[in-house]
């Protein structure tokens, strides 16, 4: 697994903001763009992580309650 470099991620984010403008694109569109051009490895990893983390803890709490029932 690759590690993120915080300073490089900051630089890449600033460049990406200038290139594509974050206010008009959805995160998945930005991820696909980064994947296509293959120039921002830290931003690519960060967007992949961001898109895989759930927006709430409700699904996690449900899975724990189901686990109790199974036990």
N, C-alpha and C. Protein backbone atom coordinates (compact mmCIF):
# COMPACT_ATOMS: atom_id res chain seq x y z
N UNK A 1 0.84 -1.18 0.00
CA UNK A 1 0.00 0.00 0.00
C UNK A 1 0.89 1.24 0.00
N UNK A 2 0.47 2.23 -0.72
CA UNK A 2 1.25 3.46 -0.81
C UNK A 2 0.89 4.41 0.31
N UNK A 3 1.87 5.17 0.75
CA UNK A 3 1.64 6.19 1.76
C UNK A 3 1.41 7.54 1.09
N UNK A 4 0.64 8.38 1.74
CA UNK A 4 0.41 9.73 1.24
C UNK A 4 1.48 10.67 1.78
N UNK A 5 1.90 11.59 0.95
CA UNK A 5 2.80 12.65 1.38
C UNK A 5 1.95 13.92 1.49
N UNK A 6 1.81 14.44 2.70
CA UNK A 6 0.93 15.57 2.96
C UNK A 6 1.25 16.82 2.16
N UNK A 7 2.54 17.15 2.06
CA UNK A 7 2.93 18.36 1.31
C UNK A 7 2.65 18.19 -0.18
N UNK A 8 2.93 17.00 -0.69
CA UNK A 8 2.64 16.75 -2.11
C UNK A 8 1.14 16.77 -2.36
N UNK A 9 0.37 16.20 -1.43
CA UNK A 9 -1.09 16.21 -1.59
C UNK A 9 -1.62 17.64 -1.60
N UNK A 10 -1.09 18.49 -0.73
CA UNK A 10 -1.49 19.90 -0.71
C UNK A 10 -1.18 20.58 -2.04
N UNK A 11 0.02 20.34 -2.55
CA UNK A 11 0.40 20.93 -3.84
C UNK A 11 -0.47 20.42 -4.98
N UNK A 12 -0.70 19.10 -4.98
CA UNK A 12 -1.53 18.51 -6.03
C UNK A 12 -2.96 19.06 -5.96
N UNK A 13 -3.48 19.23 -4.75
CA UNK A 13 -4.84 19.75 -4.60
C UNK A 13 -4.95 21.17 -5.14
N UNK A 14 -3.95 21.99 -4.86
CA UNK A 14 -3.97 23.36 -5.39
C UNK A 14 -3.91 23.38 -6.91
N UNK A 15 -3.10 22.54 -7.49
CA UNK A 15 -3.00 22.47 -8.95
C UNK A 15 -4.31 21.97 -9.55
N UNK A 16 -4.88 20.91 -8.93
CA UNK A 16 -6.15 20.38 -9.43
C UNK A 16 -7.27 21.42 -9.35
N UNK A 17 -7.29 22.18 -8.27
CA UNK A 17 -8.31 23.22 -8.12
C UNK A 17 -8.21 24.23 -9.26
N UNK A 18 -6.98 24.59 -9.63
CA UNK A 18 -6.79 25.53 -10.73
C UNK A 18 -7.17 24.92 -12.08
N UNK A 19 -6.91 23.63 -12.24
CA UNK A 19 -7.18 22.98 -13.53
C UNK A 19 -8.66 22.72 -13.74
N UNK A 20 -9.33 22.12 -12.77
CA UNK A 20 -10.70 21.67 -13.02
C UNK A 20 -11.76 22.40 -12.22
N UNK A 21 -11.41 23.08 -11.16
CA UNK A 21 -12.42 23.77 -10.35
C UNK A 21 -13.32 22.79 -9.62
N UNK A 22 -13.22 22.73 -8.32
CA UNK A 22 -13.94 21.74 -7.54
C UNK A 22 -15.44 22.03 -7.40
N UNK A 23 -15.87 23.25 -7.60
CA UNK A 23 -17.27 23.56 -7.34
C UNK A 23 -18.21 22.96 -8.37
N UNK A 24 -17.72 22.59 -9.54
CA UNK A 24 -18.60 22.10 -10.60
C UNK A 24 -18.59 20.59 -10.78
N UNK A 25 -17.63 19.90 -10.20
CA UNK A 25 -17.50 18.47 -10.44
C UNK A 25 -17.81 17.66 -9.19
N UNK A 26 -18.34 16.47 -9.42
CA UNK A 26 -18.57 15.54 -8.33
C UNK A 26 -17.26 14.83 -8.02
N UNK A 27 -17.07 14.36 -6.79
CA UNK A 27 -15.82 13.69 -6.44
C UNK A 27 -15.49 12.50 -7.34
N UNK A 28 -16.49 11.75 -7.77
CA UNK A 28 -16.21 10.60 -8.65
C UNK A 28 -15.70 11.06 -10.00
N UNK A 29 -16.20 12.20 -10.50
CA UNK A 29 -15.71 12.74 -11.77
C UNK A 29 -14.26 13.19 -11.64
N UNK A 30 -13.93 13.81 -10.50
CA UNK A 30 -12.55 14.24 -10.27
C UNK A 30 -11.64 13.03 -10.18
N UNK A 31 -12.08 11.98 -9.48
CA UNK A 31 -11.27 10.76 -9.38
C UNK A 31 -11.02 10.15 -10.75
N UNK A 32 -12.04 10.08 -11.57
CA UNK A 32 -11.87 9.53 -12.92
C UNK A 32 -10.92 10.38 -13.75
N UNK A 33 -10.99 11.69 -13.60
CA UNK A 33 -10.08 12.59 -14.31
C UNK A 33 -8.64 12.35 -13.86
N UNK A 34 -8.43 12.26 -12.55
CA UNK A 34 -7.08 12.03 -12.02
C UNK A 34 -6.54 10.70 -12.52
N UNK A 35 -7.41 9.68 -12.56
CA UNK A 35 -6.98 8.36 -13.03
C UNK A 35 -6.59 8.41 -14.51
N UNK A 36 -7.36 9.16 -15.29
CA UNK A 36 -7.08 9.26 -16.73
C UNK A 36 -5.75 9.92 -17.03
N UNK A 37 -5.46 11.04 -16.33
CA UNK A 37 -4.23 11.77 -16.66
C UNK A 37 -3.01 11.21 -15.93
N UNK A 38 -3.24 10.48 -14.82
CA UNK A 38 -2.17 9.77 -14.12
C UNK A 38 -1.00 10.68 -13.72
N UNK A 39 -1.31 11.87 -13.18
CA UNK A 39 -0.26 12.80 -12.78
C UNK A 39 -0.26 13.13 -11.29
N UNK A 40 -1.33 12.79 -10.59
CA UNK A 40 -1.47 13.19 -9.19
C UNK A 40 -1.68 11.96 -8.30
N UNK A 41 -0.63 11.23 -7.98
CA UNK A 41 -0.79 9.97 -7.23
C UNK A 41 -1.33 10.16 -5.82
N UNK A 42 -0.94 11.22 -5.13
CA UNK A 42 -1.43 11.44 -3.77
C UNK A 42 -2.90 11.83 -3.77
N UNK A 43 -3.29 12.67 -4.69
CA UNK A 43 -4.70 13.06 -4.80
C UNK A 43 -5.56 11.87 -5.19
N UNK A 44 -5.05 11.01 -6.04
CA UNK A 44 -5.78 9.80 -6.45
C UNK A 44 -6.05 8.91 -5.25
N UNK A 45 -5.05 8.69 -4.41
CA UNK A 45 -5.23 7.87 -3.21
C UNK A 45 -6.22 8.54 -2.27
N UNK A 46 -6.09 9.84 -2.06
CA UNK A 46 -6.98 10.56 -1.14
C UNK A 46 -8.43 10.49 -1.62
N UNK A 47 -8.68 10.67 -2.91
CA UNK A 47 -10.04 10.60 -3.42
C UNK A 47 -10.60 9.19 -3.33
N UNK A 48 -9.79 8.18 -3.56
CA UNK A 48 -10.26 6.80 -3.42
C UNK A 48 -10.67 6.53 -1.98
N UNK A 49 -9.87 7.00 -1.04
CA UNK A 49 -10.21 6.80 0.37
C UNK A 49 -11.50 7.55 0.71
N UNK A 50 -11.59 8.80 0.26
CA UNK A 50 -12.76 9.62 0.55
C UNK A 50 -14.03 8.97 0.03
N UNK A 51 -13.97 8.39 -1.16
CA UNK A 51 -15.16 7.81 -1.76
C UNK A 51 -15.52 6.44 -1.19
N UNK A 52 -14.63 5.80 -0.46
CA UNK A 52 -14.95 4.51 0.12
C UNK A 52 -15.41 4.61 1.57
N UNK A 53 -15.17 5.74 2.22
CA UNK A 53 -15.60 5.93 3.60
C UNK A 53 -17.07 6.31 3.60
N UNK A 54 -17.85 5.64 4.45
CA UNK A 54 -19.29 5.93 4.46
C UNK A 54 -19.55 7.32 5.03
N UNK A 55 -20.63 7.91 4.60
CA UNK A 55 -20.98 9.25 5.03
C UNK A 55 -21.54 9.32 6.44
N UNK A 56 -22.00 8.21 6.96
CA UNK A 56 -22.53 8.19 8.31
C UNK A 56 -22.08 6.92 9.01
N UNK A 57 -22.35 6.84 10.28
CA UNK A 57 -21.97 5.65 11.04
C UNK A 57 -23.15 4.70 11.20
N UNK A 58 -24.29 5.05 10.63
CA UNK A 58 -25.48 4.23 10.79
C UNK A 58 -25.29 2.82 10.23
N UNK A 59 -24.66 2.70 9.07
CA UNK A 59 -24.46 1.37 8.50
C UNK A 59 -23.51 0.54 9.36
N UNK A 60 -22.51 1.18 9.93
CA UNK A 60 -21.59 0.48 10.81
C UNK A 60 -22.31 0.03 12.07
N UNK A 61 -23.15 0.89 12.64
CA UNK A 61 -23.90 0.52 13.83
C UNK A 61 -24.87 -0.61 13.55
N UNK A 62 -25.48 -0.61 12.37
CA UNK A 62 -26.39 -1.69 12.01
C UNK A 62 -25.64 -3.01 11.91
N UNK A 63 -24.43 -2.98 11.33
CA UNK A 63 -23.69 -4.23 11.20
C UNK A 63 -23.29 -4.78 12.56
N UNK A 64 -22.99 -3.90 13.52
CA UNK A 64 -22.66 -4.38 14.86
C UNK A 64 -23.88 -4.96 15.55
N UNK A 65 -25.05 -4.35 15.36
CA UNK A 65 -26.24 -4.90 16.00
C UNK A 65 -26.61 -6.24 15.37
N UNK A 66 -26.41 -6.41 14.06
CA UNK A 66 -26.66 -7.69 13.41
C UNK A 66 -25.67 -8.74 13.92
N UNK A 67 -24.45 -8.33 14.19
CA UNK A 67 -23.45 -9.24 14.71
C UNK A 67 -23.87 -9.81 16.06
N UNK A 68 -24.48 -8.94 16.90
CA UNK A 68 -24.99 -9.40 18.20
C UNK A 68 -26.05 -10.48 18.01
N UNK A 69 -26.94 -10.27 17.04
CA UNK A 69 -27.99 -11.26 16.78
C UNK A 69 -27.41 -12.58 16.31
N UNK A 70 -26.37 -12.51 15.52
CA UNK A 70 -25.75 -13.73 15.00
C UNK A 70 -25.09 -14.52 16.13
N UNK A 71 -24.44 -13.80 17.05
CA UNK A 71 -23.78 -14.47 18.17
C UNK A 71 -24.82 -15.07 19.08
